[in-house]
């Protein structure tokens, strides 16, 4: 017989319903019901089952109606570019754009007052050009919902030469759940059709190459809108103007806040600017002028906080996009206070002097906004020239910020920067053309940005800061800067436009030189 073991007491017997290992039996219907309850949060009184957390998008005013083709652009009050992107993608903008596009050449034959000389001199400059952008055979200029009448490059050129003002003012509002206005936005796009043509010409990689894969140019405009929809503040160093800057997240564009004085001056010169760009692209005129691809005025009135703001911005290309720049120089042709170490202490610095309400950026500030590159080592082979020993340490100072004329001479040890003969010829011709054009429209205080791309052995250059004319304020500034000068001291940078042009071109001759190769003709 087997032993029975210890006897259990009455208290040792556990009740049937309190067995620790027992699990409640679940039926298929109960499992489905439990899953639905968890999915819809039916059991929680703290959360609304029909409210979805939008995250960051909730701050982008999602109640605003979508744009053309149901395009959704988040709008942030403090991000000016997002307001511009939403306006460009809106149906209202597309309708007004179509209205202006119905008569593209209504006044293309007429000339604005005061621009006749600019046209004549532009013709003279065009006859000098020998190495500019080639003409295209087929292009598109769609976007903004229309492409009729703009299919070929001749129509695009006529479109850029239209003298009629095509300003588009778009007003839109955001409402709360009670249908009350919470914020009002106003975005004015100046010279909308002309700038649209500029973007189609200079931002499209296929324009002028006979590529018909993109009829209507919608991709160019759409990519432009997408770039503006996301930006971040950018503290550009090297200048003292105090201008605000932002850069798109894809690094393609730079947005600069400008004053009303600068805006008005640029709008007055805009027809001549567009005409000059047509000669540069369609007629082979060499140029290193920065490409401004849009000018806007934005107003915001937040009725919840009571905050009102109005700003003018210019959108420019980043010439250092997809470039590995080791050094950046901002050159004006003057040595007075032109050292980066003195940029903070020298408040009178003539490089970008402004009155308090006129924030014009210093050469560096606009540094990322130019879109022309000159090959430093074009057609390089056995007899080609490279940067030289002086630039071997350029990468060590890549993060030092933008350097000025004095720093440039120290970097090159007082010797000119070598360039191939063809690159130097194109560079010098571009400088002559651009400075002549800027002198004609009475602009001064511009500079040229030079970036060293040692990976590709190229110089990336572009003339910048050309939105300020020689007005009464500049004349007073020139007189004020000239009074404390002593004999033999460096002249101030604020001088009359013709004199500024002569000094600038002479300095570029001194700063850069031709290095002959076996292909150089004597």
Protein backbone atom coordinates (compact mmCIF):
# COMPACT_ATOMS: atom_id res chain seq x y z
CA UNK A 1 0.00 0.00 0.00
CA UNK A 2 1.06 3.61 -0.71
CA UNK A 3 1.33 6.18 2.06
CA UNK A 4 -1.46 8.74 1.92
CA UNK A 5 0.67 11.73 2.92
CA UNK A 6 -0.11 14.53 5.39
CA UNK A 7 -3.74 15.29 6.11
CA UNK A 8 -4.95 18.74 4.99
CA UNK A 9 -6.88 20.98 7.26
CA UNK A 10 -10.10 22.67 6.46
CA UNK A 11 -8.37 26.04 6.06
CA UNK A 12 -5.90 24.58 3.60
CA UNK A 13 -8.55 23.92 1.00
CA UNK A 14 -8.80 26.81 -1.48
CA UNK A 15 -12.20 27.82 -2.80
CA UNK A 16 -12.95 26.95 -6.41
CA UNK A 17 -13.40 30.56 -7.58
CA UNK A 18 -10.09 31.80 -6.09
CA UNK A 19 -7.66 29.50 -7.87
CA UNK A 20 -4.65 31.71 -8.83
CA UNK A 21 -4.03 29.95 -12.12
CA UNK A 22 -7.59 30.13 -13.33
CA UNK A 23 -8.12 32.39 -16.46
CA UNK A 24 -11.45 33.81 -17.60
CA UNK A 25 -12.69 32.14 -20.69
CA UNK A 26 -12.96 34.51 -23.70
CA UNK A 27 -15.34 34.12 -26.58
CA UNK A 28 -14.64 35.34 -30.14
CA UNK A 29 -17.39 37.94 -29.87
CA UNK A 30 -15.98 39.31 -26.64
CA UNK A 31 -12.50 39.61 -28.07
CA UNK A 32 -13.76 41.57 -31.06
CA UNK A 33 -15.80 43.84 -28.80
CA UNK A 34 -12.79 44.47 -26.56
CA UNK A 35 -10.63 45.33 -29.55
CA UNK A 36 -13.16 47.83 -30.86
CA UNK A 37 -13.46 49.40 -27.43
CA UNK A 38 -9.74 49.86 -27.20
CA UNK A 39 -9.54 51.22 -30.76
CA UNK A 40 -12.25 53.82 -30.29
CA UNK A 41 -11.35 54.58 -26.65
CA UNK A 42 -14.91 53.81 -25.58
CA UNK A 43 -13.84 53.02 -22.04
CA UNK A 44 -11.99 56.32 -21.45
CA UNK A 45 -13.92 59.39 -20.41
CA UNK A 46 -10.81 61.62 -20.60
CA UNK A 47 -10.33 61.25 -24.36
CA UNK A 48 -12.64 62.00 -27.23
CA UNK A 49 -12.93 59.05 -29.55
CA UNK A 50 -13.35 61.30 -32.58
CA UNK A 51 -10.40 63.68 -31.96
CA UNK A 52 -7.14 62.81 -33.75
CA UNK A 53 -3.82 64.23 -32.56
CA UNK A 54 -2.23 66.02 -35.53
CA UNK A 55 1.08 66.70 -33.84
CA UNK A 56 3.07 69.52 -35.44
CA UNK A 57 0.51 69.86 -38.20
CA UNK A 58 -2.01 71.10 -35.65
CA UNK A 59 0.05 74.29 -35.38
CA UNK A 60 0.03 74.76 -39.14
CA UNK A 61 -3.63 75.91 -39.29
CA UNK A 62 -5.07 72.71 -40.81
CA UNK A 63 -8.53 74.26 -41.14
CA UNK A 64 -7.35 76.38 -44.09
CA UNK A 65 -8.77 75.09 -47.38
CA UNK A 66 -6.37 73.12 -49.60
CA UNK A 67 -4.97 74.62 -52.76
CA UNK A 68 -4.90 73.54 -56.38
CA UNK A 69 -5.02 69.75 -56.81
CA UNK A 70 -5.82 69.48 -53.09
CA UNK A 71 -2.34 70.63 -52.14
CA UNK A 72 -2.01 71.03 -48.37
CA UNK A 73 0.55 73.56 -47.12
CA UNK A 74 0.90 74.08 -43.35
CA UNK A 75 0.94 77.79 -42.48
CA UNK A 76 2.90 79.11 -39.51
CA UNK A 77 2.47 82.72 -38.42
CA UNK A 78 6.17 83.29 -37.76
CA UNK A 79 7.36 81.51 -40.90
CA UNK A 80 6.90 83.95 -43.77
CA UNK A 81 7.83 81.46 -46.47
CA UNK A 82 5.02 79.09 -45.48
CA UNK A 83 2.51 81.90 -46.06
CA UNK A 84 4.05 82.53 -49.49
CA UNK A 85 3.95 78.83 -50.35
CA UNK A 86 0.29 78.55 -49.34
CA UNK A 87 -0.60 81.60 -51.42
CA UNK A 88 1.23 80.33 -54.52
CA UNK A 89 -0.55 76.98 -54.25
CA UNK A 90 -4.02 78.49 -53.71
CA UNK A 91 -6.87 78.55 -56.21
CA UNK A 92 -7.24 82.33 -55.83
CA UNK A 93 -3.64 82.87 -56.92
CA UNK A 94 -4.12 80.52 -59.89
CA UNK A 95 -7.23 82.42 -61.01
CA UNK A 96 -5.50 85.81 -60.86
CA UNK A 97 -2.47 84.38 -62.61
CA UNK A 98 -4.67 83.13 -65.45
CA UNK A 99 -6.23 86.57 -65.71
CA UNK A 100 -2.84 88.22 -66.21
CA UNK A 101 -1.76 85.47 -68.61
CA UNK A 102 -4.60 86.15 -71.05
CA UNK A 103 -2.82 89.24 -72.44
CA UNK A 104 0.88 88.50 -71.96
CA UNK A 105 2.18 90.98 -74.55
CA UNK A 106 -0.27 93.79 -73.98
CA UNK A 107 2.48 96.26 -73.22
CA UNK A 108 5.66 94.40 -74.08
CA UNK A 109 6.38 96.87 -76.86
CA UNK A 110 6.12 99.91 -74.63
CA UNK A 111 9.05 101.13 -72.59
CA UNK A 112 8.79 102.47 -69.09
CA UNK A 113 9.99 105.98 -68.40
CA UNK A 114 13.63 106.22 -67.49
CA UNK A 115 14.53 102.77 -68.81
CA UNK A 116 15.24 103.64 -72.42
CA UNK A 117 18.94 104.10 -71.76
CA UNK A 118 19.07 100.79 -69.93
CA UNK A 119 17.59 99.06 -72.97
CA UNK A 120 20.05 100.70 -75.34
CA UNK A 121 23.03 99.86 -73.20
CA UNK A 122 21.78 96.32 -72.72
CA UNK A 123 21.78 95.92 -76.49
CA UNK A 124 25.34 97.19 -76.53
CA UNK A 125 26.36 94.73 -73.83
CA UNK A 126 24.67 91.84 -75.62
CA UNK A 127 26.88 92.44 -78.64
CA UNK A 128 29.93 91.97 -76.41
CA UNK A 129 28.84 88.62 -74.92
CA UNK A 130 30.44 85.47 -76.18
CA UNK A 131 29.94 82.77 -73.58
CA UNK A 132 26.52 83.00 -71.98
CA UNK A 133 23.64 80.59 -71.57
CA UNK A 134 22.48 78.94 -74.78
CA UNK A 135 19.08 79.40 -76.29
CA UNK A 136 16.53 76.68 -75.93
CA UNK A 137 14.16 75.37 -78.51
CA UNK A 138 11.35 74.29 -76.30
CA UNK A 139 10.31 75.01 -72.75
CA UNK A 140 7.32 75.23 -70.56
CA UNK A 141 6.02 77.81 -68.22
CA UNK A 142 3.07 76.23 -66.62
CA UNK A 143 2.56 76.28 -62.93
CA UNK A 144 0.00 78.38 -61.21
CA UNK A 145 -2.53 76.42 -63.17
CA UNK A 146 -1.77 77.61 -66.70
CA UNK A 147 0.62 76.91 -69.54
CA UNK A 148 -1.32 78.22 -72.56
CA UNK A 149 0.72 80.51 -74.78
CA UNK A 150 4.01 80.02 -72.92
CA UNK A 151 5.22 76.83 -74.57
CA UNK A 152 8.31 78.01 -76.40
CA UNK A 153 11.28 80.10 -75.38
CA UNK A 154 10.19 83.05 -77.52
CA UNK A 155 6.92 83.28 -75.64
CA UNK A 156 8.82 82.99 -72.37
CA UNK A 157 11.07 85.85 -73.37
CA UNK A 158 8.07 88.00 -74.30
CA UNK A 159 6.53 87.15 -70.98
CA UNK A 160 9.56 88.40 -69.08
CA UNK A 161 9.53 91.61 -71.09
CA UNK A 162 5.93 92.50 -70.26
CA UNK A 163 5.90 95.97 -68.70
CA UNK A 164 2.45 95.71 -67.14
CA UNK A 165 2.40 95.32 -63.39
CA UNK A 166 1.18 91.84 -62.52
CA UNK A 167 0.98 92.12 -58.75
CA UNK A 168 -1.25 89.47 -57.18
CA UNK A 169 -2.73 90.20 -53.76
CA UNK A 170 -4.16 87.19 -51.98
CA UNK A 171 -6.09 87.51 -48.71
CA UNK A 172 -7.16 84.45 -46.74
CA UNK A 173 -8.45 83.79 -43.23
CA UNK A 174 -8.39 81.01 -40.69
CA UNK A 175 -11.55 80.15 -38.72
CA UNK A 176 -12.14 78.30 -35.49
CA UNK A 177 -14.83 75.70 -34.82
CA UNK A 178 -17.33 78.49 -34.16
CA UNK A 179 -16.67 79.94 -37.66
CA UNK A 180 -15.03 83.00 -36.14
CA UNK A 181 -11.92 84.50 -37.74
CA UNK A 182 -8.82 83.73 -35.71
CA UNK A 183 -6.13 85.02 -38.08
CA UNK A 184 -5.99 87.03 -41.30
CA UNK A 185 -3.19 86.71 -43.86
CA UNK A 186 -2.31 88.93 -46.80
CA UNK A 187 0.35 87.93 -49.35
CA UNK A 188 1.24 90.20 -52.28
CA UNK A 189 3.30 88.64 -55.06
CA UNK A 190 4.99 91.39 -57.06
CA UNK A 191 5.52 90.97 -60.80
CA UNK A 192 4.02 87.50 -60.50
CA UNK A 193 4.04 86.43 -64.16
CA UNK A 194 7.51 87.82 -64.82
CA UNK A 195 9.03 86.12 -61.79
CA UNK A 196 7.22 82.92 -62.72
CA UNK A 197 8.99 83.05 -66.08
CA UNK A 198 12.32 83.72 -64.36
CA UNK A 199 11.85 80.60 -62.24
CA UNK A 200 10.95 78.51 -65.26
CA UNK A 201 14.06 79.68 -67.09
CA UNK A 202 16.70 79.62 -64.38
CA UNK A 203 15.43 76.86 -62.07
CA UNK A 204 14.60 74.29 -64.71
CA UNK A 205 17.48 72.00 -65.59
CA UNK A 206 15.81 71.00 -68.87
CA UNK A 207 14.83 74.45 -70.12
CA UNK A 208 16.53 75.28 -73.37
CA UNK A 209 17.64 71.69 -73.99
CA UNK A 210 14.68 70.58 -76.04
CA UNK A 211 13.35 68.34 -73.28
CA UNK A 212 9.60 67.87 -73.56
CA UNK A 213 9.27 65.56 -70.58
CA UNK A 214 7.88 68.34 -68.46
CA UNK A 215 5.26 70.20 -70.49
CA UNK A 216 3.72 73.01 -68.49
CA UNK A 217 6.63 73.43 -66.09
CA UNK A 218 4.49 72.32 -63.18
CA UNK A 219 7.39 70.47 -61.57
CA UNK A 220 9.52 73.61 -61.37
CA UNK A 221 6.82 75.66 -59.69
CA UNK A 222 5.75 72.80 -57.47
CA UNK A 223 9.29 72.20 -56.27
CA UNK A 224 9.62 75.93 -55.59
CA UNK A 225 6.47 75.87 -53.47
CA UNK A 226 7.61 72.77 -51.61
CA UNK A 227 10.95 74.40 -50.84
CA UNK A 228 9.28 77.51 -49.41
CA UNK A 229 6.89 75.47 -47.31
CA UNK A 230 9.63 74.51 -44.86
CA UNK A 231 12.35 76.92 -43.72
CA UNK A 232 14.45 77.67 -40.68
CA UNK A 233 15.96 80.88 -39.32
CA UNK A 234 19.50 81.45 -40.40
CA UNK A 235 21.88 83.75 -38.53
CA UNK A 236 24.08 84.85 -41.40
CA UNK A 237 27.39 86.14 -40.07
CA UNK A 238 29.71 88.73 -41.54
CA UNK A 239 27.44 91.76 -41.79
CA UNK A 240 26.10 94.39 -39.45
CA UNK A 241 22.85 95.36 -41.10
CA UNK A 242 20.70 93.28 -38.78
CA UNK A 243 18.65 91.88 -41.66
CA UNK A 244 16.72 88.69 -40.94
CA UNK A 245 17.38 85.60 -43.02
CA UNK A 246 15.84 82.20 -43.45
CA UNK A 247 16.93 79.24 -45.49
CA UNK A 248 14.77 76.51 -46.95
CA UNK A 249 15.14 73.06 -45.46
CA UNK A 250 16.40 71.67 -48.76
CA UNK A 251 19.04 74.45 -48.85
CA UNK A 252 17.97 75.66 -52.31
CA UNK A 253 16.81 79.18 -51.46
CA UNK A 254 17.51 82.00 -49.05
CA UNK A 255 14.76 84.34 -47.89
CA UNK A 256 15.89 87.81 -46.89
CA UNK A 257 13.77 90.44 -45.16
CA UNK A 258 14.15 93.81 -46.87
CA UNK A 259 12.98 97.29 -46.01
CA UNK A 260 10.17 99.14 -47.75
CA UNK A 261 12.73 101.47 -49.29
CA UNK A 262 14.59 98.56 -50.84
CA UNK A 263 11.32 97.04 -52.01
CA UNK A 264 10.18 100.20 -53.75
CA UNK A 265 13.57 100.75 -55.37
CA UNK A 266 13.65 97.21 -56.71
CA UNK A 267 10.07 97.38 -57.99
CA UNK A 268 10.92 100.55 -59.89
CA UNK A 269 13.90 98.85 -61.52
CA UNK A 270 12.19 95.49 -62.02
CA UNK A 271 11.41 95.94 -65.77
CA UNK A 272 15.07 96.68 -66.48
CA UNK A 273 16.07 93.70 -64.31
CA UNK A 274 13.82 91.32 -66.25
CA UNK A 275 15.06 92.69 -69.56
CA UNK A 276 18.65 92.15 -68.47
CA UNK A 277 17.92 88.55 -67.51
CA UNK A 278 16.36 87.86 -70.90
CA UNK A 279 19.53 89.07 -72.60
CA UNK A 280 21.59 86.91 -70.28
CA UNK A 281 19.66 83.71 -70.93
CA UNK A 282 18.26 84.06 -74.43
CA UNK A 283 21.01 86.11 -76.08
CA UNK A 284 24.17 84.76 -74.48
CA UNK A 285 25.10 87.79 -72.37
CA UNK A 286 27.72 86.74 -69.77
CA UNK A 287 26.63 87.66 -66.25
CA UNK A 288 27.39 86.76 -62.65
CA UNK A 289 24.44 88.69 -61.25
CA UNK A 290 22.47 87.08 -58.44
CA UNK A 291 19.11 85.70 -59.49
CA UNK A 292 16.22 86.98 -57.42
CA UNK A 293 13.30 84.63 -58.12
CA UNK A 294 10.52 86.30 -56.14
CA UNK A 295 9.62 89.40 -54.12
CA UNK A 296 6.69 89.38 -51.70
CA UNK A 297 4.99 91.37 -48.97
CA UNK A 298 3.30 89.43 -46.17
CA UNK A 299 0.91 90.68 -43.52
CA UNK A 300 -0.41 88.71 -40.52
CA UNK A 301 -3.10 89.75 -38.04
CA UNK A 302 -3.67 87.24 -35.26
CA UNK A 303 -7.00 88.21 -33.68
CA UNK A 304 -6.50 85.84 -30.76
CA UNK A 305 -3.26 87.43 -29.55
CA UNK A 306 -3.84 90.81 -31.20
CA UNK A 307 -0.42 90.69 -32.87
CA UNK A 308 0.03 92.43 -36.23
CA UNK A 309 3.09 92.17 -38.45
CA UNK A 310 4.09 93.18 -41.97
CA UNK A 311 7.25 92.15 -43.76
CA UNK A 312 8.83 92.37 -47.20
CA UNK A 313 11.00 89.50 -48.38
CA UNK A 314 13.10 88.60 -51.40
CA UNK A 315 13.70 84.97 -52.37
CA UNK A 316 17.11 84.24 -53.88
CA UNK A 317 18.91 81.14 -54.99
CA UNK A 318 21.63 79.61 -52.87
CA UNK A 319 24.65 79.42 -55.17
CA UNK A 320 26.38 77.12 -52.71
CA UNK A 321 23.66 74.50 -53.05
CA UNK A 322 25.25 71.04 -53.36
CA UNK A 323 28.69 72.64 -53.08
CA UNK A 324 31.46 71.99 -50.58
CA UNK A 325 32.77 75.49 -50.04
CA UNK A 326 35.90 75.78 -47.92
CA UNK A 327 36.26 79.58 -47.92
CA UNK A 328 33.92 82.47 -48.67
CA UNK A 329 35.07 85.97 -49.59
CA UNK A 330 32.96 89.08 -49.97
CA UNK A 331 34.73 91.60 -52.19
CA UNK A 332 33.87 95.24 -52.85
CA UNK A 333 37.14 96.59 -54.17
CA UNK A 334 37.79 98.76 -51.13
CA UNK A 335 40.18 98.12 -48.23
CA UNK A 336 38.69 100.61 -45.77
CA UNK A 337 37.65 98.50 -42.78
CA UNK A 338 37.41 95.43 -44.99
CA UNK A 339 38.63 92.87 -42.47
CA UNK A 340 36.34 90.26 -40.97
CA UNK A 341 37.91 90.82 -37.53
CA UNK A 342 36.70 94.42 -37.54
CA UNK A 343 33.14 93.70 -38.62
CA UNK A 344 31.73 93.86 -35.09
CA UNK A 345 33.70 96.82 -33.75
CA UNK A 346 33.54 99.01 -36.84
CA UNK A 347 29.96 100.26 -36.75
CA UNK A 348 30.76 102.82 -39.47
CA UNK A 349 31.86 100.07 -41.77
CA UNK A 350 31.07 101.21 -45.32
CA UNK A 351 30.43 97.76 -46.73
CA UNK A 352 26.71 97.80 -46.01
CA UNK A 353 25.96 101.03 -44.31
CA UNK A 354 22.27 101.69 -43.69
CA UNK A 355 20.02 104.03 -41.85
CA UNK A 356 18.17 102.32 -38.96
CA UNK A 357 15.05 101.48 -40.93
CA UNK A 358 16.85 100.08 -43.96
CA UNK A 359 18.39 96.67 -43.38
CA UNK A 360 20.58 95.94 -46.38
CA UNK A 361 22.67 92.84 -45.93
CA UNK A 362 26.40 92.84 -46.03
CA UNK A 363 28.08 90.97 -48.77
CA UNK A 364 28.30 87.91 -46.65
CA UNK A 365 24.71 88.03 -45.55
CA UNK A 366 23.63 87.60 -49.09
CA UNK A 367 26.39 85.10 -49.44
CA UNK A 368 24.24 82.12 -50.11
CA UNK A 369 22.03 83.78 -52.58
CA UNK A 370 23.78 83.90 -55.85
CA UNK A 371 23.49 81.54 -58.71
CA UNK A 372 26.46 81.77 -61.05
CA UNK A 373 29.67 79.77 -60.95
CA UNK A 374 32.84 80.28 -62.91
CA UNK A 375 35.13 77.36 -63.47
CA UNK A 376 38.39 78.01 -61.72
CA UNK A 377 39.97 75.18 -63.62
CA UNK A 378 37.81 74.99 -66.72
CA UNK A 379 38.79 72.36 -69.31
CA UNK A 380 41.57 71.26 -66.96
CA UNK A 381 44.26 68.97 -68.38
CA UNK A 382 48.05 68.61 -68.07
CA UNK A 383 48.78 72.31 -68.41
CA UNK A 384 45.91 73.52 -66.23
CA UNK A 385 46.31 75.62 -63.10
CA UNK A 386 45.14 74.73 -59.64
CA UNK A 387 44.57 76.88 -56.60
CA UNK A 388 48.15 76.86 -55.40
CA UNK A 389 49.88 76.41 -52.07
CA UNK A 390 48.12 79.32 -50.43
CA UNK A 391 44.76 77.54 -50.47
CA UNK A 392 45.95 74.28 -48.97
CA UNK A 393 44.69 75.30 -45.55
CA UNK A 394 41.38 76.66 -46.76
CA UNK A 395 39.49 73.81 -45.17
CA UNK A 396 40.95 74.64 -41.77
CA UNK A 397 39.15 77.98 -41.76
CA UNK A 398 35.95 76.87 -43.46
CA UNK A 399 33.93 77.67 -40.37
CA UNK A 400 35.48 81.10 -39.84
CA UNK A 401 32.64 82.88 -41.65
CA UNK A 402 32.76 85.23 -44.59
CA UNK A 403 36.04 87.04 -45.19
CA UNK A 404 36.46 90.46 -46.78
CA UNK A 405 38.86 92.22 -49.13
CA UNK A 406 41.68 92.54 -46.63
CA UNK A 407 41.37 88.89 -45.69
CA UNK A 408 41.41 87.94 -49.37
CA UNK A 409 44.73 89.71 -49.92
CA UNK A 410 46.17 88.03 -46.84
CA UNK A 411 44.94 84.65 -48.06
CA UNK A 412 46.58 85.08 -51.47
CA UNK A 413 49.69 86.74 -49.93
CA UNK A 414 49.03 89.82 -52.02
CA UNK A 415 49.08 87.90 -55.28
CA UNK A 416 46.11 87.61 -57.68
CA UNK A 417 43.98 84.48 -57.67
CA UNK A 418 44.92 82.36 -60.72
CA UNK A 419 42.28 81.42 -63.29
CA UNK A 420 42.37 79.77 -66.69
CA UNK A 421 42.36 82.12 -69.63
CA UNK A 422 38.83 81.23 -70.75
CA UNK A 423 37.38 81.42 -67.24
CA UNK A 424 39.07 84.78 -66.67
CA UNK A 425 37.75 86.15 -69.96
CA UNK A 426 34.17 85.15 -69.16
CA UNK A 427 34.51 86.39 -65.59
CA UNK A 428 35.85 89.79 -66.62
CA UNK A 429 33.22 90.23 -69.34
CA UNK A 430 30.48 89.35 -66.85
CA UNK A 431 31.82 91.92 -64.37
CA UNK A 432 31.82 94.63 -67.04
CA UNK A 433 28.28 93.82 -68.14
CA UNK A 434 26.83 93.64 -64.64
CA UNK A 435 28.51 96.76 -63.30
CA UNK A 436 27.44 98.72 -66.37
CA UNK A 437 23.84 97.61 -65.89
CA UNK A 438 23.86 98.46 -62.18
CA UNK A 439 25.44 101.84 -62.87
CA UNK A 440 22.73 102.63 -65.43
CA UNK A 441 19.94 101.96 -62.93
CA UNK A 442 21.84 104.01 -60.31
CA UNK A 443 22.65 101.12 -57.96
CA UNK A 444 25.73 100.95 -55.76
CA UNK A 445 27.11 99.26 -52.64
CA UNK A 446 26.99 95.86 -54.31
CA UNK A 447 29.70 93.26 -53.87
CA UNK A 448 30.78 89.94 -55.30
CA UNK A 449 30.73 86.73 -53.32
CA UNK A 450 33.52 84.26 -54.06
CA UNK A 451 33.38 80.69 -52.77
CA UNK A 452 36.26 78.23 -53.11
CA UNK A 453 35.18 74.73 -54.05
CA UNK A 454 38.44 72.83 -53.76
CA UNK A 455 36.76 69.49 -54.45
CA UNK A 456 35.81 70.53 -58.00
CA UNK A 457 38.57 73.15 -58.27
CA UNK A 458 36.10 75.90 -59.10
CA UNK A 459 35.24 79.39 -57.96
CA UNK A 460 31.54 80.00 -57.27
CA UNK A 461 30.88 83.71 -57.71
CA UNK A 462 27.93 86.09 -57.82
CA UNK A 463 27.24 89.81 -57.52
CA UNK A 464 25.00 90.53 -54.56
CA UNK A 465 23.38 93.40 -52.63
CA UNK A 466 22.09 95.31 -55.65
CA UNK A 467 18.75 96.45 -54.24
CA UNK A 468 19.83 99.90 -53.04
CA UNK A 469 20.01 102.95 -55.29
CA UNK A 470 22.05 106.09 -54.81
CA UNK A 471 19.36 108.20 -53.14
CA UNK A 472 19.57 111.25 -50.88
CA UNK A 473 20.32 109.10 -47.83
CA UNK A 474 23.29 107.50 -49.56
CA UNK A 475 24.52 110.92 -50.64
CA UNK A 476 24.37 112.16 -47.07
CA UNK A 477 26.16 109.03 -45.91
CA UNK A 478 28.93 109.58 -48.45
CA UNK A 479 29.42 113.17 -47.30
CA UNK A 480 29.43 112.12 -43.64
CA UNK A 481 32.03 109.46 -44.27
CA UNK A 482 34.24 111.77 -46.31
CA UNK A 483 34.48 114.56 -43.70
CA UNK A 484 36.77 112.78 -41.19
CA UNK A 485 39.07 111.45 -43.92
CA UNK A 486 42.70 112.49 -43.95
CA UNK A 487 44.97 112.79 -46.94
CA UNK A 488 46.07 109.42 -48.23
CA UNK A 489 43.37 107.40 -46.47
CA UNK A 490 41.18 104.90 -48.28
CA UNK A 491 38.06 106.39 -49.90
CA UNK A 492 34.69 105.33 -48.47
CA UNK A 493 32.74 102.64 -50.28
CA UNK A 494 29.73 104.93 -50.70
CA UNK A 495 30.55 106.91 -53.82
CA UNK A 496 28.68 107.77 -56.99
CA UNK A 497 27.62 104.73 -59.06
CA UNK A 498 29.98 105.43 -62.01
CA UNK A 499 32.94 105.80 -59.64
CA UNK A 500 31.83 102.73 -57.70
CA UNK A 501 31.71 100.77 -60.96
CA UNK A 502 35.22 101.86 -61.98
CA UNK A 503 36.71 101.00 -58.59
CA UNK A 504 34.95 97.62 -58.53
CA UNK A 505 36.10 96.55 -62.01
CA UNK A 506 39.68 97.69 -61.35
CA UNK A 507 39.76 95.69 -58.13
CA UNK A 508 38.58 92.53 -59.90
CA UNK A 509 41.46 92.98 -62.36
CA UNK A 510 43.88 93.08 -59.44
CA UNK A 511 42.30 90.23 -57.49
CA UNK A 512 42.25 87.68 -60.34
CA UNK A 513 44.75 86.91 -63.08
CA UNK A 514 45.05 84.67 -66.11
CA UNK A 515 47.38 81.69 -65.98
CA UNK A 516 48.24 80.57 -69.52
CA UNK A 517 48.14 76.94 -70.55
CA UNK A 518 49.19 75.09 -73.68
CA UNK A 519 45.87 76.08 -75.28
CA UNK A 520 46.33 79.79 -74.59
CA UNK A 521 46.69 81.86 -77.74
CA UNK A 522 49.31 84.58 -77.82
